[in-house]
N, C-alpha and C. Protein backbone atom coordinates (compact mmCIF):
# COMPACT_ATOMS: atom_id res chain seq x y z
N GLN A 1 -36.22 -24.97 -41.27
CA GLN A 1 -35.81 -24.33 -40.01
C GLN A 1 -35.24 -22.88 -40.29
N VAL A 2 -35.75 -21.91 -39.58
CA VAL A 2 -35.27 -20.53 -39.84
C VAL A 2 -33.92 -20.37 -39.18
N GLN A 3 -33.03 -19.77 -39.95
CA GLN A 3 -31.72 -19.51 -39.48
C GLN A 3 -31.27 -18.13 -39.84
N LEU A 4 -30.80 -17.40 -38.88
CA LEU A 4 -30.37 -16.00 -39.01
C LEU A 4 -28.88 -15.98 -38.57
N VAL A 5 -27.99 -15.47 -39.34
CA VAL A 5 -26.58 -15.43 -39.04
C VAL A 5 -26.07 -14.07 -39.26
N GLU A 6 -25.66 -13.38 -38.17
CA GLU A 6 -25.25 -11.87 -38.17
C GLU A 6 -23.72 -12.03 -38.40
N SER A 7 -23.16 -10.92 -39.05
CA SER A 7 -21.83 -10.74 -39.24
C SER A 7 -21.43 -9.29 -39.32
N GLY A 8 -20.22 -8.84 -39.20
CA GLY A 8 -19.81 -7.45 -39.38
C GLY A 8 -19.46 -6.68 -38.19
N GLY A 9 -19.74 -7.31 -37.04
CA GLY A 9 -19.36 -6.64 -35.75
C GLY A 9 -17.83 -6.57 -35.70
N GLY A 10 -17.38 -5.69 -34.62
CA GLY A 10 -15.95 -5.52 -34.44
C GLY A 10 -15.75 -4.42 -33.46
N SER A 11 -14.53 -4.01 -33.42
CA SER A 11 -14.15 -2.91 -32.45
C SER A 11 -13.75 -1.72 -33.25
N VAL A 12 -14.34 -0.58 -32.94
CA VAL A 12 -13.99 0.68 -33.62
C VAL A 12 -13.80 1.84 -32.65
N GLN A 13 -13.25 2.83 -33.05
CA GLN A 13 -13.14 4.10 -32.20
C GLN A 13 -14.42 4.80 -32.45
N ALA A 14 -14.78 5.64 -31.42
CA ALA A 14 -15.85 6.57 -31.53
C ALA A 14 -15.70 7.56 -32.84
N GLY A 15 -16.83 7.65 -33.51
CA GLY A 15 -16.91 8.29 -34.80
C GLY A 15 -16.66 7.34 -36.02
N GLY A 16 -16.33 6.20 -35.75
CA GLY A 16 -16.14 5.22 -36.79
C GLY A 16 -17.49 4.57 -37.30
N SER A 17 -17.37 3.74 -38.27
CA SER A 17 -18.51 3.08 -38.94
C SER A 17 -18.42 1.57 -38.99
N LEU A 18 -19.45 0.91 -38.97
CA LEU A 18 -19.63 -0.60 -39.23
C LEU A 18 -20.78 -0.92 -39.96
N ARG A 19 -20.72 -1.96 -40.66
CA ARG A 19 -21.95 -2.40 -41.40
C ARG A 19 -22.22 -3.79 -40.99
N LEU A 20 -23.44 -4.08 -40.31
CA LEU A 20 -23.68 -5.38 -39.96
C LEU A 20 -24.66 -6.11 -41.07
N SER A 21 -24.51 -7.39 -41.17
CA SER A 21 -25.27 -8.08 -42.06
C SER A 21 -25.92 -9.28 -41.38
N CYS A 22 -27.05 -9.54 -41.85
CA CYS A 22 -27.79 -10.77 -41.38
C CYS A 22 -28.42 -11.57 -42.52
N ALA A 23 -27.74 -12.74 -42.65
CA ALA A 23 -28.23 -13.72 -43.76
C ALA A 23 -29.32 -14.63 -43.02
N ALA A 24 -30.31 -14.67 -43.84
CA ALA A 24 -31.60 -15.40 -43.45
C ALA A 24 -31.85 -16.54 -44.38
N SER A 25 -32.16 -17.75 -43.83
CA SER A 25 -32.41 -18.99 -44.65
C SER A 25 -33.54 -19.69 -43.81
N GLY A 26 -34.12 -20.59 -44.61
CA GLY A 26 -35.08 -21.50 -44.06
C GLY A 26 -36.49 -21.08 -44.03
N TYR A 27 -36.69 -19.86 -44.64
CA TYR A 27 -38.13 -19.50 -44.74
C TYR A 27 -38.21 -18.59 -45.94
N ARG A 28 -39.45 -18.41 -46.32
CA ARG A 28 -39.81 -17.55 -47.46
C ARG A 28 -41.07 -16.75 -47.23
N TYR A 29 -40.99 -15.94 -46.17
CA TYR A 29 -42.15 -15.13 -45.85
C TYR A 29 -42.40 -13.92 -46.75
N SER A 30 -43.54 -13.81 -47.09
CA SER A 30 -43.78 -12.62 -47.98
C SER A 30 -44.30 -11.38 -47.26
N ASN A 31 -44.68 -11.60 -46.02
CA ASN A 31 -45.23 -10.37 -45.28
C ASN A 31 -44.68 -10.37 -43.92
N HIS A 32 -43.37 -10.33 -43.86
CA HIS A 32 -42.71 -10.30 -42.56
C HIS A 32 -42.07 -9.05 -42.27
N ARG A 33 -41.58 -8.83 -41.09
CA ARG A 33 -40.70 -7.68 -40.72
C ARG A 33 -39.55 -8.13 -40.08
N MET A 34 -38.38 -7.29 -40.11
CA MET A 34 -37.21 -7.84 -39.57
C MET A 34 -36.58 -6.54 -38.78
N GLY A 35 -35.88 -6.94 -37.80
CA GLY A 35 -35.29 -5.86 -36.99
C GLY A 35 -33.82 -6.15 -36.45
N TRP A 36 -33.29 -5.16 -35.92
CA TRP A 36 -31.93 -5.09 -35.27
C TRP A 36 -32.21 -4.75 -33.83
N PHE A 37 -31.57 -5.55 -32.97
CA PHE A 37 -31.72 -5.33 -31.59
C PHE A 37 -30.35 -5.30 -31.01
N ARG A 38 -30.09 -4.76 -29.70
CA ARG A 38 -28.86 -4.75 -29.09
C ARG A 38 -29.05 -4.97 -27.58
N GLN A 39 -27.98 -5.49 -27.00
CA GLN A 39 -27.97 -5.69 -25.68
C GLN A 39 -26.69 -5.35 -24.99
N ALA A 40 -26.63 -4.30 -24.21
CA ALA A 40 -25.46 -3.93 -23.63
C ALA A 40 -25.27 -4.74 -22.24
N PRO A 41 -24.02 -4.78 -21.71
CA PRO A 41 -23.90 -5.59 -20.50
C PRO A 41 -24.61 -5.09 -19.37
N GLY A 42 -25.44 -5.84 -18.61
CA GLY A 42 -26.30 -5.49 -17.55
C GLY A 42 -27.50 -4.72 -17.88
N LYS A 43 -27.89 -4.71 -19.23
CA LYS A 43 -29.04 -4.01 -19.69
C LYS A 43 -30.00 -4.90 -20.43
N GLU A 44 -31.18 -4.52 -20.56
CA GLU A 44 -32.25 -5.35 -21.38
C GLU A 44 -31.99 -5.08 -22.87
N ARG A 45 -32.31 -6.10 -23.50
CA ARG A 45 -32.20 -6.01 -25.07
C ARG A 45 -33.15 -4.97 -25.53
N GLU A 46 -32.68 -4.09 -26.39
CA GLU A 46 -33.59 -2.99 -26.93
C GLU A 46 -33.61 -3.02 -28.54
N GLY A 47 -34.72 -2.56 -28.96
CA GLY A 47 -34.80 -2.36 -30.43
C GLY A 47 -34.16 -1.23 -30.94
N VAL A 48 -33.28 -1.47 -32.11
CA VAL A 48 -32.38 -0.43 -32.61
C VAL A 48 -33.22 0.11 -33.85
N ALA A 49 -33.45 -0.74 -34.81
CA ALA A 49 -34.05 -0.40 -36.05
C ALA A 49 -34.89 -1.55 -36.56
N ALA A 50 -35.92 -1.24 -37.38
CA ALA A 50 -36.70 -2.28 -37.97
C ALA A 50 -37.22 -1.90 -39.19
N ILE A 51 -37.55 -2.84 -40.09
CA ILE A 51 -38.07 -2.63 -41.49
C ILE A 51 -39.38 -3.53 -41.52
N ASP A 52 -40.48 -2.85 -41.82
CA ASP A 52 -41.77 -3.47 -41.88
C ASP A 52 -42.04 -4.18 -43.25
N LYS A 53 -43.09 -4.90 -43.32
CA LYS A 53 -43.31 -5.60 -44.61
C LYS A 53 -43.62 -4.79 -45.79
N ASP A 54 -43.97 -3.44 -45.48
CA ASP A 54 -44.23 -2.54 -46.60
C ASP A 54 -42.93 -1.68 -46.92
N GLY A 55 -41.92 -1.99 -46.20
CA GLY A 55 -40.54 -1.31 -46.39
C GLY A 55 -40.36 -0.07 -45.59
N SER A 56 -41.36 0.34 -44.77
CA SER A 56 -41.18 1.35 -43.88
C SER A 56 -40.19 1.03 -42.79
N THR A 57 -39.50 2.08 -42.36
CA THR A 57 -38.47 1.80 -41.28
C THR A 57 -38.74 2.56 -39.95
N ARG A 58 -38.25 2.03 -38.98
CA ARG A 58 -38.35 2.79 -37.63
C ARG A 58 -37.12 2.61 -36.94
N TYR A 59 -36.74 3.68 -36.19
CA TYR A 59 -35.39 3.67 -35.41
C TYR A 59 -35.69 4.10 -33.98
N THR A 60 -34.82 3.52 -33.08
CA THR A 60 -34.89 4.21 -31.81
C THR A 60 -34.30 5.53 -31.83
N ASP A 61 -34.68 6.42 -30.89
CA ASP A 61 -34.30 7.82 -31.00
C ASP A 61 -32.82 8.02 -30.93
N SER A 62 -32.10 7.14 -30.19
CA SER A 62 -30.70 7.46 -30.02
C SER A 62 -29.78 7.14 -31.30
N VAL A 63 -30.38 6.45 -32.28
CA VAL A 63 -29.61 6.10 -33.47
C VAL A 63 -30.20 6.88 -34.65
N LYS A 64 -31.20 7.61 -34.52
CA LYS A 64 -31.75 8.34 -35.76
C LYS A 64 -30.58 9.28 -36.35
N GLY A 65 -30.62 9.27 -37.63
CA GLY A 65 -29.61 10.11 -38.31
C GLY A 65 -28.15 9.46 -38.41
N ARG A 66 -27.99 8.38 -37.64
CA ARG A 66 -26.65 7.67 -37.71
C ARG A 66 -26.67 6.29 -38.23
N PHE A 67 -27.80 5.62 -37.96
CA PHE A 67 -28.05 4.16 -38.49
C PHE A 67 -29.00 4.18 -39.64
N THR A 68 -28.70 3.17 -40.51
CA THR A 68 -29.69 2.91 -41.62
C THR A 68 -29.85 1.50 -41.76
N ILE A 69 -31.08 1.07 -41.68
CA ILE A 69 -31.50 -0.36 -41.95
C ILE A 69 -31.97 -0.59 -43.39
N SER A 70 -31.65 -1.62 -43.96
CA SER A 70 -32.01 -1.95 -45.32
C SER A 70 -31.96 -3.41 -45.55
N GLN A 71 -32.68 -3.84 -46.59
CA GLN A 71 -32.60 -5.34 -46.88
C GLN A 71 -32.53 -5.58 -48.31
N ASP A 72 -31.84 -6.70 -48.67
CA ASP A 72 -31.82 -7.21 -50.05
C ASP A 72 -32.58 -8.42 -50.20
N ASN A 73 -33.77 -8.39 -50.68
CA ASN A 73 -34.76 -9.53 -50.79
C ASN A 73 -34.13 -10.56 -51.52
N ALA A 74 -33.38 -10.21 -52.71
CA ALA A 74 -32.91 -11.21 -53.50
C ALA A 74 -31.87 -12.21 -52.82
N LYS A 75 -31.13 -11.50 -51.82
CA LYS A 75 -30.18 -12.20 -51.15
C LYS A 75 -30.66 -12.64 -49.75
N ASN A 76 -31.84 -12.32 -49.42
CA ASN A 76 -32.37 -12.65 -48.12
C ASN A 76 -31.48 -12.09 -46.96
N THR A 77 -31.07 -10.86 -47.16
CA THR A 77 -30.17 -10.31 -46.22
C THR A 77 -30.55 -9.03 -45.72
N LEU A 78 -30.49 -8.72 -44.42
CA LEU A 78 -30.74 -7.60 -43.76
C LEU A 78 -29.45 -6.86 -43.34
N TYR A 79 -29.42 -5.56 -43.50
CA TYR A 79 -28.18 -4.85 -43.11
C TYR A 79 -28.49 -3.70 -42.13
N LEU A 80 -27.48 -3.34 -41.44
CA LEU A 80 -27.52 -2.13 -40.55
C LEU A 80 -26.20 -1.44 -40.66
N GLN A 81 -26.37 -0.28 -41.39
CA GLN A 81 -25.14 0.62 -41.57
C GLN A 81 -25.09 1.52 -40.39
N MET A 82 -24.02 1.60 -39.65
CA MET A 82 -23.81 2.23 -38.43
C MET A 82 -22.74 3.37 -38.58
N ASN A 83 -22.98 4.60 -38.65
CA ASN A 83 -22.04 5.71 -38.78
C ASN A 83 -21.98 6.51 -37.44
N SER A 84 -20.92 7.30 -37.30
CA SER A 84 -20.76 8.07 -36.09
C SER A 84 -20.93 7.30 -34.85
N LEU A 85 -20.42 6.25 -34.65
CA LEU A 85 -20.53 5.32 -33.62
C LEU A 85 -20.17 6.00 -32.27
N LYS A 86 -20.88 5.73 -31.25
CA LYS A 86 -20.55 6.29 -29.89
C LYS A 86 -20.38 5.08 -28.96
N PRO A 87 -19.57 5.30 -27.79
CA PRO A 87 -19.31 4.14 -26.91
C PRO A 87 -20.63 3.54 -26.42
N GLU A 88 -21.68 4.34 -26.27
CA GLU A 88 -22.96 3.75 -25.83
C GLU A 88 -23.65 2.95 -26.78
N ASP A 89 -23.07 2.80 -27.97
CA ASP A 89 -23.60 1.89 -29.04
C ASP A 89 -22.95 0.50 -28.81
N THR A 90 -22.05 0.26 -27.90
CA THR A 90 -21.56 -0.96 -27.60
C THR A 90 -22.49 -1.91 -27.13
N GLY A 91 -22.41 -3.23 -27.68
CA GLY A 91 -23.31 -4.19 -27.21
C GLY A 91 -23.30 -5.38 -28.17
N MET A 92 -23.99 -6.44 -27.85
CA MET A 92 -24.28 -7.56 -28.82
C MET A 92 -25.48 -7.07 -29.61
N TYR A 93 -25.29 -7.21 -30.94
CA TYR A 93 -26.35 -6.93 -31.93
C TYR A 93 -26.88 -8.10 -32.53
N TYR A 94 -28.26 -8.22 -32.49
CA TYR A 94 -29.02 -9.42 -32.89
C TYR A 94 -29.85 -8.95 -34.10
N CYS A 95 -30.12 -9.87 -35.00
CA CYS A 95 -31.28 -9.60 -36.06
C CYS A 95 -32.40 -10.52 -35.63
N ALA A 96 -33.49 -10.20 -35.97
CA ALA A 96 -34.70 -11.01 -35.63
C ALA A 96 -35.84 -10.81 -36.70
N VAL A 97 -36.69 -11.83 -36.88
CA VAL A 97 -37.78 -11.84 -37.78
C VAL A 97 -39.02 -12.01 -37.08
N ASP A 98 -40.11 -11.29 -37.55
CA ASP A 98 -41.50 -11.45 -37.12
C ASP A 98 -42.24 -11.96 -38.37
N PRO A 99 -42.62 -13.22 -38.41
CA PRO A 99 -43.22 -13.77 -39.69
C PRO A 99 -44.65 -13.35 -39.85
N ASN A 100 -45.14 -12.83 -38.81
CA ASN A 100 -46.70 -12.50 -38.90
C ASN A 100 -47.09 -11.24 -38.19
N PRO A 101 -46.44 -10.14 -38.74
CA PRO A 101 -46.64 -8.82 -38.00
C PRO A 101 -48.06 -8.28 -38.15
N PRO A 102 -48.50 -7.37 -37.23
CA PRO A 102 -49.79 -6.73 -37.35
C PRO A 102 -49.68 -5.75 -38.46
N THR A 103 -50.93 -5.31 -38.96
CA THR A 103 -50.88 -4.29 -40.01
C THR A 103 -50.45 -2.95 -39.63
N ASN A 104 -50.64 -2.60 -38.33
CA ASN A 104 -50.45 -1.28 -37.94
C ASN A 104 -49.03 -0.91 -37.43
N GLY A 105 -48.14 -1.76 -37.60
CA GLY A 105 -46.86 -1.52 -37.17
C GLY A 105 -46.61 -1.61 -35.65
N TYR A 106 -47.63 -2.17 -34.98
CA TYR A 106 -47.53 -2.28 -33.52
C TYR A 106 -46.37 -3.06 -33.14
N GLY A 107 -45.53 -2.43 -32.08
CA GLY A 107 -44.46 -3.26 -31.42
C GLY A 107 -43.30 -3.59 -32.34
N ILE A 108 -43.11 -2.73 -33.29
CA ILE A 108 -42.02 -3.09 -34.30
C ILE A 108 -40.61 -3.12 -33.67
N LEU A 109 -40.43 -2.34 -32.61
CA LEU A 109 -39.13 -2.38 -31.95
C LEU A 109 -39.25 -3.11 -30.61
N ASP A 110 -40.30 -3.90 -30.41
CA ASP A 110 -40.40 -4.59 -29.27
C ASP A 110 -39.95 -6.05 -29.43
N GLN A 111 -38.86 -6.48 -28.67
CA GLN A 111 -38.27 -7.78 -28.96
C GLN A 111 -39.28 -8.94 -28.73
N TYR A 112 -40.32 -8.72 -27.96
CA TYR A 112 -41.22 -9.86 -27.61
C TYR A 112 -42.23 -10.11 -28.79
N GLU A 113 -42.16 -9.20 -29.84
CA GLU A 113 -42.93 -9.37 -31.00
C GLU A 113 -42.26 -10.26 -32.13
N TYR A 114 -41.08 -10.69 -31.83
CA TYR A 114 -40.21 -11.33 -32.78
C TYR A 114 -39.95 -12.79 -32.38
N ASN A 115 -40.07 -13.64 -33.39
CA ASN A 115 -40.05 -15.10 -33.08
C ASN A 115 -38.68 -15.78 -33.27
N TYR A 116 -37.99 -15.20 -34.25
CA TYR A 116 -36.67 -15.94 -34.59
C TYR A 116 -35.50 -14.95 -34.42
N TRP A 117 -34.32 -15.51 -33.91
CA TRP A 117 -33.24 -14.74 -33.57
C TRP A 117 -31.95 -15.24 -33.96
N GLY A 118 -31.05 -14.46 -34.42
CA GLY A 118 -29.72 -14.90 -34.66
C GLY A 118 -28.89 -14.96 -33.44
N GLN A 119 -27.56 -15.39 -33.45
CA GLN A 119 -26.73 -15.64 -32.35
C GLN A 119 -26.04 -14.26 -31.89
N GLY A 120 -26.21 -13.33 -32.76
CA GLY A 120 -25.57 -12.01 -32.46
C GLY A 120 -24.16 -11.81 -32.84
N THR A 121 -23.73 -10.46 -32.94
CA THR A 121 -22.42 -10.05 -33.34
C THR A 121 -22.03 -9.02 -32.45
N GLN A 122 -20.89 -9.00 -31.97
CA GLN A 122 -20.47 -7.97 -31.01
C GLN A 122 -19.90 -6.70 -31.57
N VAL A 123 -20.41 -5.53 -31.07
CA VAL A 123 -19.95 -4.25 -31.46
C VAL A 123 -19.34 -3.58 -30.20
N THR A 124 -18.07 -3.08 -30.32
CA THR A 124 -17.45 -2.44 -29.26
C THR A 124 -16.98 -1.03 -29.78
N VAL A 125 -17.33 -0.08 -29.17
CA VAL A 125 -16.94 1.23 -29.57
C VAL A 125 -16.11 2.00 -28.36
N SER A 126 -14.94 2.27 -28.70
CA SER A 126 -14.05 2.83 -27.63
C SER A 126 -13.99 4.35 -27.82
N SER A 127 -13.81 4.97 -26.70
CA SER A 127 -13.69 6.50 -26.82
C SER A 127 -12.37 6.96 -26.98
């Protein structure tokens, strides 16, 4: 059974940093992709950052230059380093895995492309 557990969320002031972690277990896919998504109150969940099976990364425009996604395959852990946080970054952050991604990177930030999800970790950024 696939299990994803996020941690590292919290409350910070604008300009601060947080590092989210997502510990994955219950699977050993060799050609999967993983992503970070967030959902603010009253808004649809959106893709923030993702890392494809070839190690390439993709970010939504609003976080480029501030967030960095990475993974430690030996630890089966996905990370999201978030710097220069803004109040609009506030939301519940989820990690997800797509075990059978397309070869062309299609939909890498599309939540509907991902099959397994964690429970989320809350990030609150105050001004």
